[in-house]
Amino acid sequence: MIYREAGQYKVSYQADEAIFPIAQDRVVMLALLAVAFFVVPLVASEYVYRAVLIPTVILALAAIGLNVLMGYCGQVSLGSGAFMGVGAYAAYNLAIRLPFLNPFVCILLSGFFAAAVGIAFGIPSLRIKGFYLAVATLAAQFFGDWAFLRIKWLTNNTPSGSVNAPPLQIFGYDLSSPTANYLVALAFTCVLGLGVKNIVRGHVGRQWMAIRDMDIAAEIIGVRPMYAKLTAFAVSSFLIGVSGALWAFVYLGSWEPAAFDINRSFELMFMVIIGGLGSILGSVLGAIFIVLLPIFLNQALPPLGALFGWHISTATVSHSESMIFGALIVFFLVVEPHGLARLWSVAKEKLRLWPFPH
């Protein structure tokens, strides 16, 4: 009886169209944010920061960006890793060639470079879709891999191709500690995630969803396919580019072109599929799941094998991750195409009706 809309009257359009119209949802969200910003920094260890929290937060932002394109606009993309790389190398070059710019400004500006590249590779979406569009965006991934490795100007002519991010500072304060890195990534993800949530609830988001559901009918009623698709590519690439810059500056510190290869693109796509297409919450849940599952398997499989007298090697654990990932993707596509976000929505609906029969 604790999760009800009864008695919660809306007296304005703004209240009725709020992101969290139910008071309990607002309380829970504020509590989660308070825990994330104030409690976690007091109790988390460096291992938890580096292995769990920081990659989860940054990849959640990248998954939100990909979900804008795939979940809300229905445009398949396999070039997310390249767009992350564009953001990382753009931020790096801005920082070393314009040293008067603050690293945080470089991170934000890198998103616009990624958006420009995303628009360029999104132009084929005006004529093709589905599998053919996936192949076209895959070309962006291959081109990115080649450019990051062969164009020496992008890496400031370093012989090895490995580059180092400048230290994060603001107003003279050093932000290189794991706690500061986590808070920086969390702040970027929360602010940009809130912005995306408002965009998809507005007229631009409705145009994206109209194109996704039936592009011909959307064009008949006045939706411009070129505007809708290219804005989706721009917003998606901007978010992915910012996440790539955060991945490089906040998480890695130094990186090589292989950090943004096609495996990163597939990883983000798995997050969106498992978390739920067309859901901001699903992107976050998918990122949490993909980051935590390998850690759980690494910790659980060897002791489990020891109970049966089996020696499970590190290679076996790695192969198990791939098999379980594949099985879960098939499971969600067949059983629950809307992913973890849909399961959470169903649970909330059951809670609203409890204890009455469903």
Protein backbone atom coordinates (compact mmCIF):
# COMPACT_ATOMS: atom_id res chain seq x y z
CA MET A 1 0.00 0.00 0.00
CA ILE A 2 3.05 2.28 -0.01
CA TYR A 3 3.19 2.83 -3.78
CA ARG A 4 -0.05 4.47 -4.89
CA GLU A 5 -1.20 7.39 -7.01
CA ALA A 6 -4.42 7.74 -5.00
CA GLY A 7 -4.65 11.18 -3.44
CA GLN A 8 -1.84 12.67 -5.54
CA TYR A 9 -3.76 15.32 -7.45
CA LYS A 10 -2.17 17.34 -10.23
CA VAL A 11 -3.27 20.97 -10.41
CA SER A 12 -1.06 22.10 -13.31
CA TYR A 13 0.14 20.83 -16.68
CA GLN A 14 3.74 20.97 -15.45
CA ALA A 15 2.93 18.68 -12.51
CA ASP A 16 1.02 16.26 -14.72
CA GLU A 17 3.89 16.04 -17.24
CA ALA A 18 6.71 15.84 -14.68
CA ILE A 19 9.42 13.24 -15.22
CA PHE A 20 8.43 11.60 -11.92
CA PRO A 21 4.73 12.39 -11.38
CA ILE A 22 4.42 9.95 -8.46
CA ALA A 23 5.79 11.27 -5.16
CA GLN A 24 7.34 7.94 -4.20
CA ASP A 25 9.36 7.88 -7.42
CA ARG A 26 10.71 11.35 -6.68
CA VAL A 27 11.68 10.36 -3.15
CA VAL A 28 13.43 7.19 -4.31
CA MET A 29 15.31 9.03 -7.05
CA LEU A 30 16.46 11.78 -4.69
CA ALA A 31 17.55 9.14 -2.18
CA LEU A 32 19.54 7.28 -4.85
CA LEU A 33 21.25 10.49 -5.95
CA ALA A 34 22.07 11.36 -2.36
CA VAL A 35 23.60 7.94 -1.82
CA ALA A 36 25.55 8.14 -5.10
CA PHE A 37 26.96 11.62 -4.43
CA PHE A 38 27.41 11.66 -0.65
CA VAL A 39 27.43 8.12 0.78
CA VAL A 40 29.39 6.18 -1.85
CA PRO A 41 32.46 8.49 -1.67
CA LEU A 42 32.64 7.76 2.07
CA VAL A 43 32.61 3.97 1.85
CA ALA A 44 33.92 2.91 -1.59
CA SER A 45 37.46 1.57 -1.99
CA GLU A 46 39.83 2.35 -4.85
CA TYR A 47 39.16 -1.08 -6.38
CA VAL A 48 35.40 -0.48 -6.36
CA TYR A 49 35.94 2.90 -8.01
CA ARG A 50 38.24 1.61 -10.75
CA ALA A 51 36.59 -1.74 -11.45
CA VAL A 52 32.91 -0.97 -10.95
CA LEU A 53 31.71 2.57 -10.34
CA ILE A 54 33.66 4.72 -12.82
CA PRO A 55 33.31 2.39 -15.85
CA THR A 56 29.63 1.79 -15.07
CA VAL A 57 28.82 5.49 -14.90
CA ILE A 58 30.71 6.38 -18.08
CA LEU A 59 29.39 3.45 -20.10
CA ALA A 60 25.87 4.27 -18.92
CA LEU A 61 26.23 7.67 -20.61
CA ALA A 62 27.48 6.02 -23.80
CA ALA A 63 24.58 3.54 -23.70
CA ILE A 64 22.11 6.41 -23.29
CA GLY A 65 23.61 8.00 -26.40
CA LEU A 66 23.29 4.80 -28.41
CA ASN A 67 19.75 4.28 -27.12
CA VAL A 68 18.78 7.70 -28.49
CA LEU A 69 19.67 6.44 -31.95
CA MET A 70 18.60 2.80 -31.76
CA GLY A 71 15.81 2.81 -29.19
CA TYR A 72 14.12 6.15 -29.85
CA CYS A 73 14.81 6.73 -33.55
CA GLY A 74 15.14 3.12 -34.72
CA GLN A 75 18.44 3.61 -36.56
CA VAL A 76 20.89 0.72 -36.16
CA SER A 77 24.49 1.70 -35.43
CA LEU A 78 27.67 -0.34 -35.09
CA GLY A 79 30.05 2.62 -34.96
CA SER A 80 29.71 3.65 -31.32
CA GLY A 81 33.29 2.73 -30.48
CA ALA A 82 34.55 5.03 -33.23
CA PHE A 83 32.43 7.92 -31.94
CA MET A 84 33.85 7.36 -28.45
CA GLY A 85 37.31 7.48 -30.01
CA VAL A 86 36.50 10.72 -31.83
CA GLY A 87 35.49 12.27 -28.51
CA ALA A 88 38.62 11.03 -26.77
CA TYR A 89 41.07 12.21 -29.44
CA ALA A 90 39.22 15.49 -29.96
CA ALA A 91 39.44 16.27 -26.24
CA TYR A 92 43.12 15.28 -26.22
CA ASN A 93 44.01 17.52 -29.17
CA LEU A 94 42.04 20.43 -27.77
CA ALA A 95 43.88 20.08 -24.46
CA ILE A 96 47.40 19.98 -25.95
CA ARG A 97 46.91 22.48 -28.78
CA LEU A 98 44.80 24.96 -26.80
CA PRO A 99 46.39 24.68 -23.34
CA PHE A 100 44.41 27.62 -22.00
CA LEU A 101 41.23 25.53 -22.18
CA ASN A 102 40.17 23.71 -19.04
CA PRO A 103 40.04 19.90 -19.51
CA PHE A 104 36.33 19.93 -18.67
CA VAL A 105 35.71 22.39 -21.49
CA CYS A 106 37.69 20.11 -23.80
CA ILE A 107 35.52 17.15 -22.76
CA LEU A 108 32.32 19.04 -23.56
CA LEU A 109 33.63 20.43 -26.85
CA SER A 110 34.72 16.95 -27.92
CA GLY A 111 31.05 16.01 -28.05
CA PHE A 112 30.46 18.53 -30.83
CA PHE A 113 33.29 17.02 -32.91
CA ALA A 114 31.76 13.58 -32.42
CA ALA A 115 28.34 14.99 -33.36
CA ALA A 116 29.75 16.37 -36.62
CA VAL A 117 31.27 12.99 -37.48
CA GLY A 118 28.02 11.28 -36.51
CA ILE A 119 26.02 13.51 -38.85
CA ALA A 120 28.45 12.76 -41.68
CA PHE A 121 28.05 9.01 -41.25
CA GLY A 122 24.33 9.41 -40.58
CA ILE A 123 23.64 10.82 -44.04
CA PRO A 124 23.24 7.31 -45.53
CA SER A 125 20.30 6.80 -43.14
CA LEU A 126 18.30 9.13 -45.40
CA ARG A 127 18.31 6.48 -48.12
CA ILE A 128 18.93 3.14 -46.40
CA LYS A 129 17.86 1.47 -43.17
CA GLY A 130 18.07 -1.76 -41.24
CA PHE A 131 20.93 -4.12 -42.06
CA TYR A 132 22.30 -1.82 -44.77
CA LEU A 133 22.49 1.11 -42.35
CA ALA A 134 24.29 -1.11 -39.84
CA VAL A 135 26.91 -1.85 -42.49
CA ALA A 136 27.24 1.86 -43.27
CA THR A 137 27.84 2.73 -39.63
CA LEU A 138 30.26 -0.18 -39.39
CA ALA A 139 32.30 1.69 -42.00
CA ALA A 140 32.62 4.52 -39.47
CA GLN A 141 34.14 2.04 -37.01
CA PHE A 142 36.67 0.77 -39.55
CA PHE A 143 37.54 4.30 -40.63
CA GLY A 144 37.99 5.35 -37.01
CA ASP A 145 40.29 2.41 -36.28
CA TRP A 146 42.40 3.33 -39.31
CA ALA A 147 42.49 7.06 -38.53
CA PHE A 148 43.44 6.68 -34.87
CA LEU A 149 46.27 4.35 -35.80
CA ARG A 150 47.61 5.96 -39.00
CA ILE A 151 47.03 9.72 -38.70
CA LYS A 152 49.93 10.69 -36.45
CA TRP A 153 48.63 14.23 -35.97
CA LEU A 154 45.79 12.86 -33.84
CA THR A 155 48.29 11.32 -31.39
CA ASN A 156 50.66 14.31 -31.50
CA ASN A 157 53.18 12.23 -33.49
CA THR A 158 53.85 9.76 -30.69
CA PRO A 159 55.76 6.74 -32.08
CA SER A 160 53.74 4.13 -30.17
CA GLY A 161 50.33 5.69 -30.76
CA SER A 162 49.71 5.76 -27.00
CA VAL A 163 48.76 9.16 -25.56
CA ASN A 164 48.38 10.52 -22.03
CA ALA A 165 45.48 12.67 -20.91
CA PRO A 166 46.27 15.94 -19.14
CA PRO A 167 45.50 16.10 -15.40
CA LEU A 168 41.99 17.11 -14.41
CA GLN A 169 41.93 20.39 -12.51
CA ILE A 170 39.36 23.06 -11.80
CA PHE A 171 39.96 26.32 -9.96
CA GLY A 172 43.37 24.99 -8.94
CA TYR A 173 42.01 21.81 -7.33
CA ASP A 174 43.49 18.48 -8.42
CA LEU A 175 40.81 15.96 -9.41
CA SER A 176 43.02 12.96 -10.07
CA SER A 177 41.87 10.88 -7.09
CA PRO A 178 39.45 7.98 -7.68
CA THR A 179 36.75 9.70 -5.63
CA ALA A 180 37.03 12.90 -7.67
CA ASN A 181 37.05 10.94 -10.93
CA TYR A 182 33.88 9.12 -9.91
CA LEU A 183 32.09 12.34 -8.95
CA VAL A 184 33.11 14.03 -12.21
CA ALA A 185 31.82 11.11 -14.31
CA LEU A 186 28.63 10.90 -12.23
CA ALA A 187 27.95 14.63 -12.60
CA PHE A 188 28.37 14.49 -16.39
CA THR A 189 26.12 11.43 -16.68
CA CYS A 190 23.37 12.83 -14.45
CA VAL A 191 23.25 16.24 -16.14
CA LEU A 192 23.39 14.92 -19.70
CA GLY A 193 21.01 12.06 -18.88
CA LEU A 194 18.47 14.55 -17.52
CA GLY A 195 18.87 16.62 -20.68
CA VAL A 196 18.22 13.60 -22.89
CA LYS A 197 15.20 12.62 -20.82
CA ASN A 198 13.67 16.02 -21.49
CA ILE A 199 14.55 15.91 -25.19
CA VAL A 200 12.86 12.56 -25.77
CA ARG A 201 9.73 13.82 -24.01
CA GLY A 202 9.55 16.90 -26.25
CA HIS A 203 8.65 17.43 -29.90
CA VAL A 204 12.07 16.28 -31.12
CA GLY A 205 11.75 13.00 -29.26
CA ARG A 206 8.24 12.48 -30.61
CA GLN A 207 9.58 12.94 -34.14
CA TRP A 208 12.27 10.33 -33.46
CA MET A 209 9.70 7.84 -32.22
CA ALA A 210 7.40 8.53 -35.18
CA ILE A 211 10.27 7.75 -37.56
CA ARG A 212 11.06 4.62 -35.56
CA ASP A 213 7.50 3.28 -35.58
CA MET A 214 6.59 4.01 -39.21
CA ASP A 215 8.73 6.42 -41.20
CA ILE A 216 6.38 6.72 -44.18
CA ALA A 217 3.38 7.59 -42.01
CA ALA A 218 5.53 10.05 -40.04
CA GLU A 219 6.54 11.84 -43.23
CA ILE A 220 2.89 12.03 -44.34
CA ILE A 221 1.85 13.80 -41.12
CA GLY A 222 4.64 16.36 -41.45
CA VAL A 223 7.72 14.88 -39.78
CA ARG A 224 10.86 15.64 -41.78
CA PRO A 225 12.91 12.42 -41.97
CA MET A 226 16.17 14.25 -42.71
CA TYR A 227 15.81 16.52 -39.68
CA ALA A 228 14.68 13.73 -37.34
CA LYS A 229 17.35 11.21 -38.33
CA LEU A 230 20.27 13.65 -38.43
CA THR A 231 19.34 15.21 -35.08
CA ALA A 232 19.20 11.70 -33.61
CA PHE A 233 22.67 10.97 -35.00
CA ALA A 234 23.94 14.31 -33.70
CA VAL A 235 22.58 13.96 -30.17
CA SER A 236 23.61 10.31 -29.97
CA SER A 237 27.14 11.00 -31.22
CA PHE A 238 27.48 13.99 -28.89
CA LEU A 239 26.71 11.87 -25.84
CA ILE A 240 28.91 9.01 -27.00
CA GLY A 241 31.74 11.45 -27.77
CA VAL A 242 31.56 13.00 -24.30
CA SER A 243 31.55 9.52 -22.78
CA GLY A 244 34.62 8.66 -24.87
CA ALA A 245 36.44 11.74 -23.59
CA LEU A 246 35.49 10.80 -20.03
CA TRP A 247 36.62 7.23 -20.65
CA ALA A 248 40.00 8.52 -21.78
CA PHE A 249 40.53 11.39 -19.33
CA VAL A 250 38.82 10.04 -16.21
CA TYR A 251 39.08 6.25 -16.44
CA LEU A 252 42.06 5.28 -18.60
CA GLY A 253 44.43 8.23 -18.24
CA SER A 254 46.51 6.87 -21.12
CA TRP A 255 45.20 4.84 -24.03
CA GLU A 256 45.85 3.35 -27.44
CA PRO A 257 43.56 3.15 -30.50
CA ALA A 258 42.56 -0.39 -29.49
CA ALA A 259 40.62 1.11 -26.56
CA PHE A 260 37.89 2.15 -29.03
CA ASP A 261 37.74 -0.83 -31.36
CA ILE A 262 34.68 -2.69 -32.61
CA ASN A 263 34.43 -4.68 -29.37
CA ARG A 264 33.43 -1.44 -27.64
CA SER A 265 30.66 -0.94 -30.20
CA PHE A 266 29.29 -4.41 -29.59
CA GLU A 267 29.53 -3.93 -25.83
CA LEU A 268 27.40 -0.79 -26.00
CA MET A 269 24.89 -2.49 -28.27
CA PHE A 270 24.60 -5.36 -25.77
CA MET A 271 23.92 -2.85 -23.00
CA VAL A 272 21.07 -1.30 -24.96
CA ILE A 273 19.55 -4.67 -25.92
CA ILE A 274 19.76 -6.18 -22.44
CA GLY A 275 18.78 -2.95 -20.67
CA GLY A 276 15.89 -2.11 -22.97
CA LEU A 277 15.45 -0.19 -26.21
CA GLY A 278 13.84 3.21 -25.87
CA SER A 279 14.53 3.58 -22.15
CA ILE A 280 16.98 5.84 -20.30
CA LEU A 281 16.69 3.61 -17.25
CA GLY A 282 17.33 0.58 -19.43
CA SER A 283 20.62 2.06 -20.61
CA VAL A 284 21.78 2.46 -17.01
CA LEU A 285 20.62 -1.04 -16.03
CA GLY A 286 22.32 -2.52 -19.09
CA ALA A 287 25.61 -0.80 -18.23
CA ILE A 288 25.42 -2.05 -14.64
CA PHE A 289 24.70 -5.57 -15.83
CA ILE A 290 27.47 -5.70 -18.44
CA VAL A 291 30.10 -4.30 -16.06
CA LEU A 292 29.16 -6.43 -13.06
CA LEU A 293 28.64 -9.76 -14.84
CA PRO A 294 32.34 -10.36 -15.74
CA ILE A 295 33.39 -9.40 -12.21
CA PHE A 296 30.82 -11.77 -10.73
CA LEU A 297 31.90 -14.63 -13.01
CA ASN A 298 35.57 -14.09 -12.20
CA GLN A 299 34.80 -14.29 -8.50
CA ALA A 300 32.15 -17.04 -8.56
CA LEU A 301 33.22 -19.58 -11.19
CA PRO A 302 36.58 -20.73 -9.71
CA PRO A 303 35.12 -21.45 -6.22
CA LEU A 304 32.10 -23.08 -7.84
CA GLY A 305 34.35 -25.34 -9.89
CA ALA A 306 36.41 -26.20 -6.81
CA LEU A 307 33.28 -27.58 -5.13
CA PHE A 308 33.07 -30.21 -7.87
CA GLY A 309 36.81 -30.80 -8.06
CA TRP A 310 37.24 -28.86 -11.32
CA HIS A 311 40.02 -26.41 -12.05
CA ILE A 312 38.56 -23.47 -13.92
CA SER A 313 41.24 -21.37 -15.60
CA THR A 314 41.12 -17.68 -16.43
CA ALA A 315 40.65 -18.54 -20.11
CA THR A 316 37.62 -20.68 -19.25
CA VAL A 317 36.11 -17.80 -17.28
CA SER A 318 36.65 -15.49 -20.25
CA HIS A 319 34.98 -17.96 -22.63
CA SER A 320 32.12 -18.36 -20.17
CA GLU A 321 31.52 -14.61 -20.27
CA SER A 322 31.12 -14.70 -24.06
CA MET A 323 28.76 -17.67 -23.94
CA ILE A 324 26.63 -16.17 -21.18
CA PHE A 325 26.47 -12.81 -22.98
CA GLY A 326 25.27 -14.53 -26.14
CA ALA A 327 22.70 -16.62 -24.28
CA LEU A 328 21.34 -13.57 -22.45
CA ILE A 329 21.01 -11.57 -25.65
CA VAL A 330 19.04 -14.40 -27.26
CA PHE A 331 16.94 -14.73 -24.10
CA PHE A 332 16.01 -11.06 -23.97
CA LEU A 333 15.30 -10.89 -27.70
CA VAL A 334 12.93 -13.87 -27.47
CA VAL A 335 11.39 -13.58 -24.00
CA GLU A 336 11.51 -9.88 -23.17
CA PRO A 337 12.59 -7.68 -26.10
CA HIS A 338 12.24 -4.55 -23.97
CA GLY A 339 14.92 -5.78 -21.58
CA LEU A 340 15.52 -5.10 -17.92
CA ALA A 341 13.62 -1.81 -18.05
CA ARG A 342 10.44 -3.68 -18.94
CA LEU A 343 10.94 -6.13 -16.08
CA TRP A 344 11.32 -3.18 -13.70
CA SER A 345 8.16 -1.58 -15.11
CA VAL A 346 6.19 -4.80 -14.62
CA ALA A 347 7.44 -5.07 -11.05
CA LYS A 348 6.27 -1.51 -10.34
CA GLU A 349 2.84 -2.24 -11.79
CA LYS A 350 2.50 -5.31 -9.60
CA LEU A 351 3.56 -3.29 -6.56
CA ARG A 352 0.88 -0.68 -7.29
CA LEU A 353 -1.81 -3.39 -7.28
CA TRP A 354 -0.47 -5.38 -4.31
CA PRO A 355 -2.00 -7.03 -2.28
CA PHE A 356 -4.94 -7.34 -4.64
CA PRO A 357 -4.98 -10.12 -7.30
CA HIS A 358 -3.44 -9.23 -10.66
